[in-house]
Amino acid sequence: MAKLNQEQLLEIFDALKKVMKPYEKGVIRPQIDIQGRYDQWANKKVFAANKWRDEFAFTGLILQSGYVGFYYMPIYTNTEEVRPLISAELLKSLKGKSCFHIKKVDKDVLEQVAEAMRIGYDQYEKNGWL
């Protein structure tokens, strides 16, 4: 696969951001929302990862040189509950604990990310973090 150019990467970034944007509701707000970087945080005091926090990361996007990084914290914070529900196809792009390297955007990828967003939001709600 040829290296993606800036225009292709921005197309992927913008398409993913459109899928994520509807979750910007209630206590979920972006801290950064600029071209090439977007994130979502739950702005609520919660007890998570063994300590009290004033805010808690939910998702993020970062434009990299060869892919768009989709940071999906529910798979890190609630691995056992969330990972089995994520599509096998999307899991192939998971690098590390919470970053998916997205190198193309099509109907299937967008549906998989949309489903992951729903699963993560539901899990955060179940945790009392929203």
N, C-alpha and C. Protein backbone atom coordinates (compact mmCIF):
# COMPACT_ATOMS: atom_id res chain seq x y z
N MET A 1 0.84 -1.18 0.00
CA MET A 1 0.00 0.00 0.00
C MET A 1 0.89 1.25 0.00
N ALA A 2 0.61 2.15 -0.91
CA ALA A 2 1.37 3.39 -1.01
C ALA A 2 1.12 4.27 0.21
N LYS A 3 2.12 5.04 0.55
CA LYS A 3 1.97 5.95 1.68
C LYS A 3 0.87 6.97 1.39
N LEU A 4 0.05 7.21 2.38
CA LEU A 4 -1.06 8.15 2.23
C LEU A 4 -0.55 9.58 2.23
N ASN A 5 -1.14 10.40 1.39
CA ASN A 5 -0.76 11.81 1.38
C ASN A 5 -1.63 12.59 2.37
N GLN A 6 -1.30 13.84 2.58
CA GLN A 6 -1.99 14.68 3.57
C GLN A 6 -3.48 14.77 3.28
N GLU A 7 -3.84 14.91 2.00
CA GLU A 7 -5.25 15.02 1.62
C GLU A 7 -6.02 13.75 1.98
N GLN A 8 -5.43 12.60 1.72
CA GLN A 8 -6.06 11.32 2.05
C GLN A 8 -6.21 11.15 3.57
N LEU A 9 -5.16 11.53 4.29
CA LEU A 9 -5.21 11.43 5.75
C LEU A 9 -6.30 12.34 6.33
N LEU A 10 -6.40 13.55 5.80
CA LEU A 10 -7.44 14.47 6.28
C LEU A 10 -8.84 13.95 5.96
N GLU A 11 -8.98 13.28 4.82
CA GLU A 11 -10.28 12.69 4.47
C GLU A 11 -10.67 11.61 5.50
N ILE A 12 -9.71 10.77 5.87
CA ILE A 12 -9.94 9.74 6.88
C ILE A 12 -10.28 10.40 8.22
N PHE A 13 -9.47 11.39 8.61
CA PHE A 13 -9.67 12.10 9.87
C PHE A 13 -11.08 12.70 9.93
N ASP A 14 -11.47 13.41 8.89
CA ASP A 14 -12.78 14.08 8.87
C ASP A 14 -13.93 13.08 8.93
N ALA A 15 -13.80 11.97 8.22
CA ALA A 15 -14.85 10.95 8.23
C ALA A 15 -15.00 10.32 9.62
N LEU A 16 -13.87 10.03 10.27
CA LEU A 16 -13.92 9.45 11.62
C LEU A 16 -14.49 10.46 12.62
N LYS A 17 -14.09 11.71 12.48
CA LYS A 17 -14.59 12.74 13.39
C LYS A 17 -16.10 12.87 13.31
N LYS A 18 -16.66 12.75 12.10
CA LYS A 18 -18.13 12.81 11.93
C LYS A 18 -18.82 11.68 12.69
N VAL A 19 -18.18 10.52 12.75
CA VAL A 19 -18.74 9.38 13.48
C VAL A 19 -18.67 9.62 14.99
N MET A 20 -17.61 10.29 15.44
CA MET A 20 -17.39 10.51 16.86
C MET A 20 -18.19 11.69 17.41
N LYS A 21 -18.40 12.71 16.61
CA LYS A 21 -19.00 13.98 17.04
C LYS A 21 -20.34 13.82 17.78
N PRO A 22 -21.25 12.92 17.36
CA PRO A 22 -22.52 12.78 18.07
C PRO A 22 -22.38 12.40 19.55
N TYR A 23 -21.22 11.88 19.93
CA TYR A 23 -21.01 11.51 21.34
C TYR A 23 -20.54 12.69 22.18
N GLU A 24 -20.40 13.82 21.56
CA GLU A 24 -20.06 15.05 22.25
C GLU A 24 -21.36 15.59 22.85
N LYS A 25 -21.74 15.00 23.97
CA LYS A 25 -23.00 15.34 24.63
C LYS A 25 -22.86 15.07 26.12
N GLY A 26 -23.78 15.61 26.89
CA GLY A 26 -23.71 15.41 28.33
C GLY A 26 -22.38 15.91 28.86
N VAL A 27 -21.65 15.04 29.55
CA VAL A 27 -20.37 15.44 30.14
C VAL A 27 -19.20 15.26 29.17
N ILE A 28 -19.45 14.70 27.99
CA ILE A 28 -18.36 14.49 27.04
C ILE A 28 -18.17 15.74 26.19
N ARG A 29 -16.95 16.25 26.26
CA ARG A 29 -16.57 17.47 25.54
C ARG A 29 -15.15 17.31 25.00
N PRO A 30 -14.85 17.99 23.89
CA PRO A 30 -13.46 17.96 23.41
C PRO A 30 -12.58 18.91 24.23
N GLN A 31 -11.33 18.54 24.40
CA GLN A 31 -10.34 19.47 24.94
C GLN A 31 -9.58 20.09 23.78
N ILE A 32 -9.40 19.30 22.72
CA ILE A 32 -8.71 19.78 21.52
C ILE A 32 -9.60 19.47 20.32
N ASP A 33 -9.84 20.48 19.51
CA ASP A 33 -10.64 20.30 18.30
C ASP A 33 -10.06 21.21 17.21
N ILE A 34 -8.98 20.73 16.60
CA ILE A 34 -8.31 21.47 15.53
C ILE A 34 -8.07 20.51 14.37
N GLN A 35 -7.68 21.05 13.24
CA GLN A 35 -7.40 20.19 12.09
C GLN A 35 -6.27 19.24 12.44
N GLY A 36 -6.54 17.95 12.34
CA GLY A 36 -5.52 16.95 12.61
C GLY A 36 -5.46 16.46 14.03
N ARG A 37 -6.28 17.04 14.91
CA ARG A 37 -6.27 16.60 16.32
C ARG A 37 -7.64 16.87 16.94
N TYR A 38 -8.21 15.84 17.53
CA TYR A 38 -9.53 15.94 18.14
C TYR A 38 -9.60 14.91 19.26
N ASP A 39 -10.18 15.30 20.37
CA ASP A 39 -10.36 14.33 21.44
C ASP A 39 -11.67 14.56 22.17
N GLN A 40 -12.06 13.58 22.95
CA GLN A 40 -13.28 13.67 23.75
C GLN A 40 -12.97 13.19 25.17
N TRP A 41 -13.42 13.99 26.12
CA TRP A 41 -13.20 13.69 27.53
C TRP A 41 -14.52 13.73 28.28
N ALA A 42 -14.67 12.86 29.25
CA ALA A 42 -15.81 12.92 30.16
C ALA A 42 -15.41 13.88 31.28
N ASN A 43 -16.07 15.01 31.33
CA ASN A 43 -15.76 16.03 32.33
C ASN A 43 -16.64 15.83 33.55
N LYS A 44 -16.26 14.85 34.33
CA LYS A 44 -17.02 14.48 35.52
C LYS A 44 -16.04 13.86 36.51
N LYS A 45 -16.20 14.19 37.76
CA LYS A 45 -15.33 13.61 38.79
C LYS A 45 -15.71 12.13 38.94
N VAL A 46 -14.74 11.27 38.67
CA VAL A 46 -14.99 9.83 38.72
C VAL A 46 -13.84 9.12 39.43
N PHE A 47 -14.14 7.97 39.97
CA PHE A 47 -13.11 7.12 40.53
C PHE A 47 -12.80 6.07 39.46
N ALA A 48 -11.62 6.15 38.89
CA ALA A 48 -11.24 5.23 37.82
C ALA A 48 -9.75 4.96 37.90
N ALA A 49 -9.37 3.76 37.54
CA ALA A 49 -7.96 3.35 37.57
C ALA A 49 -7.35 3.64 38.94
N ASN A 50 -8.11 3.31 39.97
CA ASN A 50 -7.67 3.38 41.37
C ASN A 50 -7.42 4.77 41.92
N LYS A 51 -7.99 5.80 41.29
CA LYS A 51 -7.88 7.14 41.88
C LYS A 51 -9.00 8.05 41.39
N TRP A 52 -9.23 9.12 42.13
CA TRP A 52 -10.23 10.11 41.74
C TRP A 52 -9.66 11.00 40.64
N ARG A 53 -10.48 11.27 39.64
CA ARG A 53 -10.08 12.10 38.51
C ARG A 53 -11.17 13.13 38.24
N ASP A 54 -10.76 14.33 37.84
CA ASP A 54 -11.72 15.38 37.50
C ASP A 54 -12.26 15.22 36.09
N GLU A 55 -11.57 14.46 35.27
CA GLU A 55 -11.97 14.19 33.89
C GLU A 55 -11.39 12.85 33.50
N PHE A 56 -11.93 12.30 32.41
CA PHE A 56 -11.51 10.98 32.01
C PHE A 56 -11.56 10.86 30.50
N ALA A 57 -10.50 10.39 29.87
CA ALA A 57 -10.42 10.30 28.41
C ALA A 57 -11.42 9.29 27.87
N PHE A 58 -12.02 9.63 26.73
CA PHE A 58 -12.95 8.72 26.05
C PHE A 58 -12.35 8.30 24.70
N THR A 59 -12.19 9.24 23.78
CA THR A 59 -11.64 8.92 22.47
C THR A 59 -10.78 10.08 21.95
N GLY A 60 -10.04 9.80 20.90
CA GLY A 60 -9.26 10.86 20.26
C GLY A 60 -8.83 10.47 18.86
N LEU A 61 -8.49 11.47 18.09
CA LEU A 61 -7.94 11.28 16.75
C LEU A 61 -6.69 12.12 16.62
N ILE A 62 -5.65 11.54 16.02
CA ILE A 62 -4.44 12.29 15.74
C ILE A 62 -3.96 11.92 14.35
N LEU A 63 -3.69 12.92 13.56
CA LEU A 63 -3.14 12.73 12.22
C LEU A 63 -1.67 12.38 12.35
N GLN A 64 -1.28 11.23 11.84
CA GLN A 64 0.12 10.81 11.85
C GLN A 64 0.64 10.82 10.40
N SER A 65 1.87 10.45 10.19
CA SER A 65 2.42 10.55 8.83
C SER A 65 1.88 9.47 7.89
N GLY A 66 1.49 8.31 8.39
CA GLY A 66 1.01 7.24 7.52
C GLY A 66 -0.35 6.69 7.86
N TYR A 67 -1.00 7.27 8.86
CA TYR A 67 -2.31 6.78 9.30
C TYR A 67 -2.96 7.83 10.19
N VAL A 68 -4.22 7.58 10.52
CA VAL A 68 -4.90 8.40 11.52
C VAL A 68 -5.02 7.53 12.76
N GLY A 69 -4.51 8.03 13.87
CA GLY A 69 -4.60 7.31 15.13
C GLY A 69 -5.95 7.55 15.77
N PHE A 70 -6.71 6.47 15.95
CA PHE A 70 -8.00 6.52 16.64
C PHE A 70 -7.77 5.96 18.03
N TYR A 71 -7.70 6.85 19.01
CA TYR A 71 -7.47 6.45 20.40
C TYR A 71 -8.80 6.17 21.05
N TYR A 72 -8.93 4.97 21.54
CA TYR A 72 -10.22 4.46 22.04
C TYR A 72 -10.02 3.91 23.44
N MET A 73 -10.20 4.78 24.42
CA MET A 73 -9.88 4.43 25.80
C MET A 73 -10.77 3.33 26.41
N PRO A 74 -12.01 3.14 25.98
CA PRO A 74 -12.80 2.05 26.57
C PRO A 74 -12.14 0.67 26.43
N ILE A 75 -11.37 0.46 25.37
CA ILE A 75 -10.72 -0.84 25.20
C ILE A 75 -9.55 -1.00 26.18
N TYR A 76 -9.04 0.13 26.68
CA TYR A 76 -7.96 0.11 27.66
C TYR A 76 -8.52 0.04 29.09
N THR A 77 -9.55 0.83 29.36
CA THR A 77 -10.10 0.90 30.72
C THR A 77 -11.00 -0.27 31.07
N ASN A 78 -11.64 -0.85 30.07
CA ASN A 78 -12.58 -1.96 30.28
C ASN A 78 -12.33 -3.07 29.26
N THR A 79 -11.09 -3.52 29.20
CA THR A 79 -10.66 -4.48 28.19
C THR A 79 -11.56 -5.71 28.13
N GLU A 80 -11.82 -6.34 29.27
CA GLU A 80 -12.58 -7.59 29.29
C GLU A 80 -14.02 -7.41 28.82
N GLU A 81 -14.61 -6.25 29.11
CA GLU A 81 -16.00 -6.02 28.71
C GLU A 81 -16.11 -5.55 27.26
N VAL A 82 -15.16 -4.76 26.81
CA VAL A 82 -15.26 -4.09 25.51
C VAL A 82 -14.61 -4.87 24.37
N ARG A 83 -13.41 -5.36 24.58
CA ARG A 83 -12.67 -6.00 23.48
C ARG A 83 -13.45 -7.11 22.75
N PRO A 84 -14.12 -8.00 23.47
CA PRO A 84 -14.86 -9.06 22.76
C PRO A 84 -16.01 -8.54 21.87
N LEU A 85 -16.45 -7.33 22.10
CA LEU A 85 -17.56 -6.77 21.33
C LEU A 85 -17.11 -6.01 20.09
N ILE A 86 -15.82 -5.73 19.98
CA ILE A 86 -15.28 -4.98 18.84
C ILE A 86 -15.06 -5.94 17.68
N SER A 87 -15.36 -5.48 16.47
CA SER A 87 -15.22 -6.35 15.30
C SER A 87 -13.78 -6.82 15.12
N ALA A 88 -13.64 -8.06 14.68
CA ALA A 88 -12.31 -8.64 14.44
C ALA A 88 -11.56 -7.82 13.40
N GLU A 89 -12.28 -7.31 12.42
CA GLU A 89 -11.65 -6.52 11.36
C GLU A 89 -11.03 -5.24 11.94
N LEU A 90 -11.76 -4.54 12.81
CA LEU A 90 -11.22 -3.33 13.42
C LEU A 90 -10.06 -3.67 14.36
N LEU A 91 -10.18 -4.77 15.08
CA LEU A 91 -9.11 -5.16 16.01
C LEU A 91 -7.78 -5.40 15.30
N LYS A 92 -7.81 -5.74 14.01
CA LYS A 92 -6.57 -5.95 13.26
C LYS A 92 -5.74 -4.66 13.19
N SER A 93 -6.40 -3.51 13.31
CA SER A 93 -5.67 -2.24 13.23
C SER A 93 -5.27 -1.70 14.60
N LEU A 94 -5.55 -2.46 15.67
CA LEU A 94 -5.17 -2.04 17.03
C LEU A 94 -3.68 -2.25 17.23
N LYS A 95 -2.99 -1.17 17.56
CA LYS A 95 -1.56 -1.22 17.84
C LYS A 95 -1.37 -0.72 19.27
N GLY A 96 -0.78 -1.52 20.10
CA GLY A 96 -0.64 -1.12 21.50
C GLY A 96 -1.93 -1.40 22.25
N LYS A 97 -2.17 -0.61 23.29
CA LYS A 97 -3.32 -0.87 24.16
C LYS A 97 -4.61 -0.19 23.74
N SER A 98 -4.51 0.99 23.09
CA SER A 98 -5.75 1.71 22.79
C SER A 98 -5.76 2.46 21.47
N CYS A 99 -4.73 2.32 20.65
CA CYS A 99 -4.65 3.10 19.41
C CYS A 99 -4.85 2.22 18.18
N PHE A 100 -5.85 2.56 17.42
CA PHE A 100 -6.11 1.90 16.15
C PHE A 100 -5.47 2.74 15.05
N HIS A 101 -4.73 2.10 14.17
CA HIS A 101 -4.11 2.79 13.04
C HIS A 101 -5.06 2.66 11.85
N ILE A 102 -5.76 3.72 11.53
CA ILE A 102 -6.74 3.70 10.45
C ILE A 102 -6.07 4.24 9.18
N LYS A 103 -6.02 3.40 8.15
CA LYS A 103 -5.33 3.75 6.92
C LYS A 103 -6.25 3.84 5.71
N LYS A 104 -7.52 3.60 5.93
CA LYS A 104 -8.51 3.75 4.86
C LYS A 104 -9.85 4.04 5.52
N VAL A 105 -10.71 4.63 4.75
CA VAL A 105 -12.03 4.89 5.28
C VAL A 105 -13.04 4.48 4.22
N ASP A 106 -13.88 3.56 4.60
CA ASP A 106 -14.96 3.12 3.73
C ASP A 106 -16.15 2.82 4.63
N LYS A 107 -17.22 2.38 4.03
CA LYS A 107 -18.46 2.13 4.77
C LYS A 107 -18.22 1.15 5.93
N ASP A 108 -17.47 0.07 5.67
CA ASP A 108 -17.23 -0.94 6.71
C ASP A 108 -16.46 -0.37 7.89
N VAL A 109 -15.39 0.36 7.60
CA VAL A 109 -14.58 0.95 8.68
C VAL A 109 -15.43 1.92 9.50
N LEU A 110 -16.19 2.77 8.83
CA LEU A 110 -17.02 3.74 9.54
C LEU A 110 -18.08 3.05 10.40
N GLU A 111 -18.67 1.98 9.89
CA GLU A 111 -19.65 1.22 10.69
C GLU A 111 -19.00 0.57 11.90
N GLN A 112 -17.78 0.05 11.71
CA GLN A 112 -17.07 -0.59 12.83
C GLN A 112 -16.70 0.43 13.90
N VAL A 113 -16.26 1.59 13.49
CA VAL A 113 -15.92 2.65 14.46
C VAL A 113 -17.20 3.14 15.14
N ALA A 114 -18.27 3.29 14.38
CA ALA A 114 -19.55 3.72 14.98
C ALA A 114 -20.02 2.72 16.03
N GLU A 115 -19.88 1.44 15.75
CA GLU A 115 -20.27 0.41 16.70
C GLU A 115 -19.37 0.45 17.94
N ALA A 116 -18.07 0.65 17.73
CA ALA A 116 -17.14 0.76 18.85
C ALA A 116 -17.50 1.96 19.73
N MET A 117 -17.85 3.07 19.10
CA MET A 117 -18.25 4.26 19.86
C MET A 117 -19.47 3.96 20.74
N ARG A 118 -20.45 3.29 20.16
CA ARG A 118 -21.65 2.94 20.92
C ARG A 118 -21.31 2.02 22.09
N ILE A 119 -20.49 1.02 21.83
CA ILE A 119 -20.09 0.06 22.87
C ILE A 119 -19.34 0.79 23.99
N GLY A 120 -18.41 1.64 23.63
CA GLY A 120 -17.63 2.37 24.63
C GLY A 120 -18.48 3.33 25.45
N TYR A 121 -19.38 4.04 24.77
CA TYR A 121 -20.27 4.96 25.47
C TYR A 121 -21.14 4.20 26.45
N ASP A 122 -21.70 3.09 26.00
CA ASP A 122 -22.54 2.27 26.89
C ASP A 122 -21.75 1.78 28.09
N GLN A 123 -20.50 1.38 27.88
CA GLN A 123 -19.67 0.90 28.99
C GLN A 123 -19.35 2.03 29.97
N TYR A 124 -19.02 3.20 29.46
CA TYR A 124 -18.74 4.33 30.34
C TYR A 124 -19.99 4.71 31.13
N GLU A 125 -21.14 4.62 30.49
CA GLU A 125 -22.40 4.90 31.18
C GLU A 125 -22.61 3.87 32.30
N LYS A 126 -22.38 2.61 31.99
CA LYS A 126 -22.52 1.52 32.95
C LYS A 126 -21.56 1.72 34.13
N ASN A 127 -20.36 2.25 33.86
CA ASN A 127 -19.37 2.51 34.90
C ASN A 127 -19.75 3.71 35.79
N GLY A 128 -20.72 4.51 35.32
CA GLY A 128 -21.08 5.73 36.06
C GLY A 128 -20.16 6.90 35.73
N TRP A 129 -19.45 6.81 34.61
CA TRP A 129 -18.49 7.85 34.23
C TRP A 129 -19.11 8.93 33.35
N LEU A 130 -20.39 8.79 33.02
CA LEU A 130 -21.06 9.80 32.18
C LEU A 130 -22.22 10.41 32.95
